[in-house]
Protein backbone atom coordinates (compact mmCIF):
# COMPACT_ATOMS: atom_id res chain seq x y z
CA MET A 1 42.21 32.11 29.44
CA SER A 2 39.09 33.82 30.63
CA PRO A 3 38.40 34.92 34.20
CA GLU A 4 37.88 31.98 36.57
CA GLY A 5 39.30 29.67 33.90
CA LYS A 6 36.13 29.29 31.84
CA PRO A 7 37.05 28.56 28.20
CA ILE A 8 35.08 30.82 25.85
CA ILE A 9 34.99 31.04 22.06
CA ALA A 10 33.35 34.19 20.68
CA LEU A 11 32.73 34.53 16.96
CA PRO A 12 30.36 36.14 14.49
CA SER A 13 27.68 33.73 13.26
CA THR A 14 28.55 34.27 9.58
CA THR A 15 31.52 35.00 7.35
CA HIS A 16 31.77 38.20 5.29
CA ALA A 17 30.28 36.17 2.40
CA GLY A 18 27.24 35.23 4.49
CA GLU A 19 28.20 31.60 5.09
CA SER A 20 27.53 30.13 8.51
CA LYS A 21 30.52 29.78 10.81
CA ILE A 22 28.59 27.10 12.70
CA VAL A 23 28.70 24.01 10.49
CA SER A 24 27.65 20.38 10.79
CA MET A 25 30.96 19.05 9.47
CA VAL A 26 34.44 20.48 9.04
CA LYS A 27 35.61 20.85 5.44
CA PRO A 28 38.38 18.44 4.37
CA GLY A 29 41.77 19.95 5.18
CA ALA A 30 40.35 22.56 7.56
CA GLY A 31 42.33 23.21 10.71
CA ILE A 32 40.95 22.56 14.19
CA VAL A 33 42.18 25.00 16.82
CA THR A 34 40.60 23.45 19.92
CA THR A 35 38.82 20.28 20.98
CA ARG A 36 35.17 20.12 21.96
CA ALA A 37 36.22 19.36 25.54
CA HIS A 38 38.05 22.69 25.79
CA ALA A 39 35.13 24.94 24.84
CA HIS A 40 32.60 25.48 27.62
CA TYR A 41 30.90 28.53 26.10
CA ILE A 42 30.41 29.46 22.44
CA ILE A 43 29.14 32.99 21.86
CA THR A 44 27.70 34.68 18.76
CA GLU A 45 25.59 37.79 18.36
CA TYR A 46 22.56 35.48 18.75
CA GLY A 47 23.39 34.19 22.21
CA ILE A 48 25.53 31.95 24.37
CA ALA A 49 25.73 28.16 24.13
CA ASN A 50 26.85 26.46 27.33
CA MET A 51 28.53 23.28 26.08
CA PHE A 52 29.89 21.97 29.37
CA GLY A 53 28.71 18.45 30.19
CA LYS A 54 26.40 18.11 27.17
CA ASN A 55 26.21 15.14 24.83
CA ILE A 56 26.54 15.51 21.05
CA LYS A 57 22.79 15.94 20.42
CA GLN A 58 22.55 18.64 23.10
CA ARG A 59 25.63 20.40 21.71
CA CYS A 60 24.13 20.43 18.21
CA LYS A 61 20.90 21.98 19.51
CA ALA A 62 22.78 24.61 21.54
CA LEU A 63 24.91 25.62 18.55
CA ILE A 64 21.95 25.75 16.17
CA ASP A 65 20.20 28.06 18.64
CA ILE A 66 23.02 30.62 18.35
CA ALA A 67 23.56 30.28 14.58
CA HIS A 68 22.32 32.97 12.21
CA PRO A 69 18.54 32.51 11.77
CA MET A 70 18.81 32.04 8.00
CA HIS A 71 21.09 28.99 8.51
CA ARG A 72 19.26 27.26 11.36
CA GLU A 73 16.87 25.19 9.25
CA GLN A 74 19.71 23.75 7.15
CA LEU A 75 21.79 23.02 10.25
CA GLU A 76 18.83 21.19 11.81
CA LYS A 77 18.44 19.04 8.66
CA GLU A 78 22.15 18.25 8.62
CA SER A 79 22.21 17.43 12.34
CA ARG A 80 19.60 14.70 11.80
CA LEU A 81 22.03 12.96 9.46
CA LEU A 82 24.79 12.77 12.07
């Protein structure tokens, strides 16, 4: 738990192989460690996304904004399909 009880997830925007850690869909069989309701702030080296109280479209936009710049265009395309 973070100070004042604000749930925070901090992660690098990419894997060591250069793949985005922010994705439009979870791969089949991948584990989920927390629900979307439990993450108020997602942090990468590109910024902070405040997720609290946002709908799905707003969450997508906030996450794309903190994704690695070379993956943002693809994430935007994929988010339109959701």
